[in-house]
Amino acid sequence: RVRRIAIADSSPAFLHAAASYISNLPGYVVAGTSHTEQQALTLVDSAGPDVLLIDLGSQPVRGLEIVRRVKATPRAPVVVAMTLFHTPEAAAAASRAGADALVGKESFIAGLRDALARLFPQ
């Protein structure tokens, strides 16, 4: 089964790099990208991804609220939150908001690969 990943991040460069990486992961395709929190909500509603990869960004309180809102929707996707650095505090906050995993951008490739393997065991 091919799983669809939507990506939400305010950085066009990161969106491009993440989409390129995901496009080359066996079993995954990019369902769409968004630059803002509101676009992320619209993307989840319209594209129905299996996974939302969302940056908590420079204003993590807003990012965490989007995670809560997404997880409250019918057929909510798996949510993988991203922060600049993976810390225990960030992981706890993301988990409380309903995120299924947290990936630090400092180790994005390995972190996302490991999170997807844990969330979707073969």
N, C-alpha and C. Protein backbone atom coordinates (compact mmCIF):
# COMPACT_ATOMS: atom_id res chain seq x y z
N ARG A 1 0.83 -1.18 0.00
CA ARG A 1 0.00 0.00 0.00
C ARG A 1 0.88 1.25 0.00
N VAL A 2 0.55 2.17 -0.87
CA VAL A 2 1.28 3.44 -0.92
C VAL A 2 0.63 4.42 0.05
N ARG A 3 1.44 5.01 0.88
CA ARG A 3 0.93 5.98 1.87
C ARG A 3 1.22 7.40 1.38
N ARG A 4 0.25 8.27 1.61
CA ARG A 4 0.32 9.65 1.14
C ARG A 4 0.73 10.57 2.30
N ILE A 5 1.76 11.39 2.06
CA ILE A 5 2.26 12.30 3.09
C ILE A 5 2.06 13.74 2.64
N ALA A 6 1.37 14.52 3.47
CA ALA A 6 1.24 15.97 3.27
C ALA A 6 2.30 16.64 4.13
N ILE A 7 2.89 17.71 3.61
CA ILE A 7 3.98 18.40 4.32
C ILE A 7 3.58 19.85 4.54
N ALA A 8 3.71 20.31 5.80
CA ALA A 8 3.42 21.70 6.13
C ALA A 8 4.64 22.33 6.79
N ASP A 9 5.18 23.35 6.14
CA ASP A 9 6.37 24.04 6.64
C ASP A 9 6.42 25.42 6.00
N SER A 10 6.83 26.42 6.75
CA SER A 10 6.86 27.78 6.21
C SER A 10 8.05 28.03 5.28
N SER A 11 9.02 27.13 5.27
CA SER A 11 10.21 27.31 4.44
C SER A 11 10.05 26.63 3.08
N PRO A 12 10.00 27.41 1.98
CA PRO A 12 9.91 26.78 0.66
C PRO A 12 11.08 25.84 0.38
N ALA A 13 12.27 26.19 0.83
CA ALA A 13 13.44 25.34 0.59
C ALA A 13 13.28 24.00 1.31
N PHE A 14 12.80 24.03 2.56
CA PHE A 14 12.61 22.78 3.28
C PHE A 14 11.49 21.96 2.65
N LEU A 15 10.40 22.61 2.25
CA LEU A 15 9.30 21.89 1.60
C LEU A 15 9.81 21.15 0.36
N HIS A 16 10.61 21.82 -0.43
CA HIS A 16 11.15 21.22 -1.64
C HIS A 16 12.05 20.02 -1.30
N ALA A 17 12.94 20.20 -0.33
CA ALA A 17 13.87 19.14 0.05
C ALA A 17 13.11 17.94 0.63
N ALA A 18 12.14 18.21 1.51
CA ALA A 18 11.38 17.12 2.13
C ALA A 18 10.55 16.39 1.09
N ALA A 19 9.91 17.13 0.18
CA ALA A 19 9.11 16.49 -0.87
C ALA A 19 9.99 15.63 -1.77
N SER A 20 11.18 16.11 -2.08
CA SER A 20 12.10 15.35 -2.91
C SER A 20 12.50 14.05 -2.21
N TYR A 21 12.82 14.13 -0.92
CA TYR A 21 13.21 12.95 -0.16
C TYR A 21 12.04 11.95 -0.10
N ILE A 22 10.86 12.42 0.25
CA ILE A 22 9.69 11.54 0.39
C ILE A 22 9.34 10.89 -0.95
N SER A 23 9.48 11.63 -2.03
CA SER A 23 9.18 11.08 -3.36
C SER A 23 10.06 9.90 -3.71
N ASN A 24 11.22 9.81 -3.07
CA ASN A 24 12.14 8.71 -3.33
C ASN A 24 12.06 7.58 -2.31
N LEU A 25 11.14 7.72 -1.33
CA LEU A 25 10.96 6.65 -0.34
C LEU A 25 10.02 5.60 -0.91
N PRO A 26 10.42 4.36 -0.95
CA PRO A 26 9.52 3.31 -1.45
C PRO A 26 8.25 3.23 -0.58
N GLY A 27 7.10 3.22 -1.23
CA GLY A 27 5.84 3.09 -0.50
C GLY A 27 5.21 4.39 -0.06
N TYR A 28 5.81 5.53 -0.43
CA TYR A 28 5.29 6.83 -0.01
C TYR A 28 5.24 7.79 -1.19
N VAL A 29 4.23 8.65 -1.20
CA VAL A 29 4.13 9.72 -2.18
C VAL A 29 3.74 11.01 -1.45
N VAL A 30 4.02 12.13 -2.06
CA VAL A 30 3.66 13.43 -1.50
C VAL A 30 2.22 13.74 -1.89
N ALA A 31 1.38 13.97 -0.89
CA ALA A 31 -0.03 14.28 -1.12
C ALA A 31 -0.26 15.77 -1.34
N GLY A 32 0.73 16.58 -1.00
CA GLY A 32 0.62 18.03 -1.17
C GLY A 32 1.49 18.73 -0.15
N THR A 33 1.65 20.03 -0.34
CA THR A 33 2.45 20.84 0.58
C THR A 33 1.68 22.10 0.94
N SER A 34 2.03 22.66 2.09
CA SER A 34 1.41 23.92 2.51
C SER A 34 2.45 24.77 3.24
N HIS A 35 2.24 26.09 3.16
CA HIS A 35 3.17 27.04 3.76
C HIS A 35 2.66 27.62 5.08
N THR A 36 1.36 27.48 5.36
CA THR A 36 0.77 28.09 6.55
C THR A 36 -0.05 27.05 7.32
N GLU A 37 -0.35 27.39 8.56
CA GLU A 37 -1.17 26.50 9.38
C GLU A 37 -2.55 26.31 8.76
N GLN A 38 -3.16 27.40 8.29
CA GLN A 38 -4.49 27.28 7.70
C GLN A 38 -4.46 26.42 6.44
N GLN A 39 -3.43 26.58 5.62
CA GLN A 39 -3.29 25.74 4.43
C GLN A 39 -3.13 24.27 4.83
N ALA A 40 -2.47 24.01 5.95
CA ALA A 40 -2.29 22.63 6.41
C ALA A 40 -3.64 22.00 6.73
N LEU A 41 -4.50 22.75 7.40
CA LEU A 41 -5.84 22.23 7.71
C LEU A 41 -6.63 21.96 6.44
N THR A 42 -6.55 22.87 5.49
CA THR A 42 -7.25 22.70 4.21
C THR A 42 -6.70 21.50 3.45
N LEU A 43 -5.39 21.34 3.47
CA LEU A 43 -4.74 20.22 2.78
C LEU A 43 -5.17 18.88 3.38
N VAL A 44 -5.23 18.80 4.68
CA VAL A 44 -5.67 17.56 5.33
C VAL A 44 -7.11 17.25 4.92
N ASP A 45 -7.95 18.27 4.89
CA ASP A 45 -9.35 18.08 4.53
C ASP A 45 -9.51 17.68 3.06
N SER A 46 -8.76 18.32 2.19
CA SER A 46 -8.96 18.08 0.74
C SER A 46 -8.19 16.88 0.21
N ALA A 47 -6.98 16.64 0.71
CA ALA A 47 -6.15 15.57 0.16
C ALA A 47 -6.30 14.25 0.89
N GLY A 48 -6.78 14.30 2.13
CA GLY A 48 -6.93 13.07 2.90
C GLY A 48 -5.66 12.25 3.03
N PRO A 49 -4.55 12.89 3.45
CA PRO A 49 -3.29 12.14 3.53
C PRO A 49 -3.32 11.10 4.64
N ASP A 50 -2.43 10.12 4.53
CA ASP A 50 -2.24 9.15 5.60
C ASP A 50 -1.38 9.74 6.72
N VAL A 51 -0.50 10.69 6.33
CA VAL A 51 0.44 11.29 7.26
C VAL A 51 0.48 12.80 7.01
N LEU A 52 0.48 13.57 8.10
CA LEU A 52 0.77 15.00 8.01
C LEU A 52 2.11 15.22 8.69
N LEU A 53 3.07 15.72 7.94
CA LEU A 53 4.39 16.09 8.45
C LEU A 53 4.34 17.59 8.64
N ILE A 54 4.35 18.05 9.90
CA ILE A 54 4.14 19.48 10.16
C ILE A 54 5.23 20.05 11.05
N ASP A 55 5.75 21.19 10.63
CA ASP A 55 6.77 21.90 11.39
C ASP A 55 6.08 22.70 12.49
N LEU A 56 6.55 22.55 13.72
CA LEU A 56 5.99 23.34 14.81
C LEU A 56 6.51 24.77 14.76
N GLY A 57 7.61 24.99 14.06
CA GLY A 57 8.08 26.32 13.72
C GLY A 57 8.52 27.18 14.86
N SER A 58 8.63 28.46 14.54
CA SER A 58 9.11 29.44 15.51
C SER A 58 8.05 29.77 16.55
N GLN A 59 6.80 29.39 16.28
CA GLN A 59 5.71 29.60 17.23
C GLN A 59 5.06 28.25 17.54
N PRO A 60 5.75 27.44 18.37
CA PRO A 60 5.27 26.08 18.58
C PRO A 60 3.87 25.99 19.15
N VAL A 61 3.42 27.01 19.90
CA VAL A 61 2.06 26.95 20.46
C VAL A 61 1.05 26.89 19.32
N ARG A 62 1.26 27.67 18.26
CA ARG A 62 0.34 27.62 17.11
C ARG A 62 0.44 26.28 16.40
N GLY A 63 1.64 25.77 16.23
CA GLY A 63 1.82 24.47 15.59
C GLY A 63 1.15 23.36 16.37
N LEU A 64 1.28 23.40 17.69
CA LEU A 64 0.64 22.38 18.53
C LEU A 64 -0.87 22.48 18.45
N GLU A 65 -1.40 23.68 18.33
CA GLU A 65 -2.86 23.84 18.18
C GLU A 65 -3.33 23.23 16.87
N ILE A 66 -2.55 23.39 15.81
CA ILE A 66 -2.91 22.77 14.52
C ILE A 66 -2.90 21.25 14.66
N VAL A 67 -1.92 20.71 15.37
CA VAL A 67 -1.87 19.26 15.61
C VAL A 67 -3.16 18.82 16.30
N ARG A 68 -3.56 19.54 17.35
CA ARG A 68 -4.80 19.21 18.08
C ARG A 68 -6.00 19.24 17.14
N ARG A 69 -6.08 20.27 16.33
CA ARG A 69 -7.22 20.41 15.42
C ARG A 69 -7.25 19.30 14.38
N VAL A 70 -6.10 18.96 13.83
CA VAL A 70 -6.03 17.88 12.84
C VAL A 70 -6.44 16.55 13.47
N LYS A 71 -5.93 16.27 14.66
CA LYS A 71 -6.23 15.00 15.30
C LYS A 71 -7.70 14.89 15.72
N ALA A 72 -8.39 16.02 15.80
CA ALA A 72 -9.81 16.02 16.16
C ALA A 72 -10.71 15.80 14.95
N THR A 73 -10.15 15.75 13.75
CA THR A 73 -10.96 15.58 12.55
C THR A 73 -11.30 14.11 12.32
N PRO A 74 -12.42 13.87 11.63
CA PRO A 74 -12.73 12.47 11.27
C PRO A 74 -11.62 11.96 10.34
N ARG A 75 -11.26 10.72 10.48
CA ARG A 75 -10.20 10.11 9.66
C ARG A 75 -8.89 10.90 9.75
N ALA A 76 -8.56 11.33 10.96
CA ALA A 76 -7.33 12.10 11.16
C ALA A 76 -6.11 11.30 10.71
N PRO A 77 -5.19 11.96 10.03
CA PRO A 77 -3.97 11.26 9.62
C PRO A 77 -3.03 11.07 10.80
N VAL A 78 -2.05 10.23 10.60
CA VAL A 78 -0.92 10.17 11.53
C VAL A 78 -0.23 11.52 11.43
N VAL A 79 0.17 12.07 12.57
CA VAL A 79 0.85 13.36 12.56
C VAL A 79 2.28 13.18 13.05
N VAL A 80 3.22 13.59 12.19
CA VAL A 80 4.63 13.62 12.56
C VAL A 80 5.01 15.09 12.66
N ALA A 81 5.25 15.54 13.89
CA ALA A 81 5.63 16.93 14.12
C ALA A 81 7.14 17.07 13.96
N MET A 82 7.55 18.26 13.55
CA MET A 82 8.98 18.54 13.40
C MET A 82 9.36 19.77 14.22
N THR A 83 10.54 19.72 14.81
CA THR A 83 11.13 20.87 15.48
C THR A 83 12.56 20.99 15.00
N LEU A 84 13.16 22.13 15.28
CA LEU A 84 14.54 22.31 14.85
C LEU A 84 15.43 21.25 15.50
N PHE A 85 15.22 21.03 16.80
CA PHE A 85 15.98 20.02 17.53
C PHE A 85 15.03 19.14 18.32
N HIS A 86 15.26 17.85 18.29
CA HIS A 86 14.45 16.90 19.05
C HIS A 86 14.91 16.95 20.50
N THR A 87 14.04 17.42 21.39
CA THR A 87 14.35 17.47 22.81
C THR A 87 13.25 16.73 23.57
N PRO A 88 13.53 16.28 24.79
CA PRO A 88 12.48 15.63 25.57
C PRO A 88 11.27 16.54 25.80
N GLU A 89 11.52 17.83 26.01
CA GLU A 89 10.43 18.77 26.24
C GLU A 89 9.55 18.91 25.00
N ALA A 90 10.18 19.02 23.83
CA ALA A 90 9.43 19.13 22.58
C ALA A 90 8.64 17.85 22.32
N ALA A 91 9.26 16.71 22.58
CA ALA A 91 8.57 15.43 22.38
C ALA A 91 7.35 15.32 23.28
N ALA A 92 7.49 15.73 24.53
CA ALA A 92 6.36 15.66 25.47
C ALA A 92 5.23 16.59 25.03
N ALA A 93 5.57 17.82 24.61
CA ALA A 93 4.54 18.77 24.18
C ALA A 93 3.83 18.26 22.93
N ALA A 94 4.59 17.71 21.98
CA ALA A 94 3.99 17.19 20.76
C ALA A 94 3.07 16.02 21.07
N SER A 95 3.50 15.15 21.96
CA SER A 95 2.69 13.99 22.34
C SER A 95 1.39 14.44 23.02
N ARG A 96 1.48 15.40 23.92
CA ARG A 96 0.27 15.92 24.60
C ARG A 96 -0.71 16.51 23.59
N ALA A 97 -0.19 17.10 22.52
CA ALA A 97 -1.07 17.70 21.50
C ALA A 97 -1.69 16.64 20.59
N GLY A 98 -1.15 15.41 20.64
CA GLY A 98 -1.69 14.34 19.81
C GLY A 98 -0.80 13.87 18.69
N ALA A 99 0.39 14.45 18.57
CA ALA A 99 1.30 14.00 17.51
C ALA A 99 1.70 12.55 17.77
N ASP A 100 1.83 11.81 16.70
CA ASP A 100 2.20 10.40 16.81
C ASP A 100 3.71 10.21 16.87
N ALA A 101 4.46 11.21 16.42
CA ALA A 101 5.92 11.15 16.46
C ALA A 101 6.46 12.57 16.36
N LEU A 102 7.71 12.72 16.77
CA LEU A 102 8.42 14.00 16.65
C LEU A 102 9.75 13.72 15.98
N VAL A 103 10.08 14.56 15.00
CA VAL A 103 11.34 14.45 14.28
C VAL A 103 12.07 15.78 14.40
N GLY A 104 13.34 15.73 14.76
CA GLY A 104 14.15 16.93 14.78
C GLY A 104 14.71 17.18 13.40
N LYS A 105 14.66 18.42 12.95
CA LYS A 105 15.19 18.73 11.62
C LYS A 105 16.70 18.52 11.55
N GLU A 106 17.36 18.50 12.71
CA GLU A 106 18.81 18.29 12.70
C GLU A 106 19.15 16.89 12.20
N SER A 107 18.19 15.98 12.27
CA SER A 107 18.42 14.61 11.78
C SER A 107 17.17 14.16 11.01
N PHE A 108 16.70 15.01 10.12
CA PHE A 108 15.42 14.79 9.44
C PHE A 108 15.35 13.45 8.71
N ILE A 109 16.33 13.14 7.90
CA ILE A 109 16.25 11.94 7.06
C ILE A 109 16.16 10.68 7.93
N ALA A 110 17.08 10.53 8.86
CA ALA A 110 17.06 9.35 9.73
C ALA A 110 15.83 9.37 10.64
N GLY A 111 15.49 10.55 11.15
CA GLY A 111 14.34 10.67 12.06
C GLY A 111 13.03 10.31 11.39
N LEU A 112 12.82 10.82 10.17
CA LEU A 112 11.57 10.51 9.47
C LEU A 112 11.53 9.04 9.08
N ARG A 113 12.63 8.53 8.58
CA ARG A 113 12.68 7.11 8.20
C ARG A 113 12.34 6.22 9.40
N ASP A 114 12.94 6.52 10.56
CA ASP A 114 12.67 5.73 11.76
C ASP A 114 11.23 5.88 12.23
N ALA A 115 10.71 7.10 12.19
CA ALA A 115 9.32 7.34 12.63
C ALA A 115 8.34 6.59 11.74
N LEU A 116 8.54 6.66 10.43
CA LEU A 116 7.63 5.94 9.51
C LEU A 116 7.71 4.44 9.70
N ALA A 117 8.92 3.92 9.93
CA ALA A 117 9.08 2.47 10.16
C ALA A 117 8.36 2.05 11.44
N ARG A 118 8.39 2.90 12.45
CA ARG A 118 7.73 2.60 13.72
C ARG A 118 6.21 2.71 13.59
N LEU A 119 5.74 3.71 12.85
CA LEU A 119 4.30 3.94 12.71
C LEU A 119 3.64 2.99 11.73
N PHE A 120 4.40 2.55 10.73
CA PHE A 120 3.86 1.65 9.69
C PHE A 120 4.78 0.45 9.54
N PRO A 121 4.80 -0.45 10.53
CA PRO A 121 5.70 -1.61 10.41
C PRO A 121 5.32 -2.47 9.21
N GLN A 122 6.32 -2.99 8.56
CA GLN A 122 6.09 -3.80 7.36
C GLN A 122 5.62 -5.18 7.72
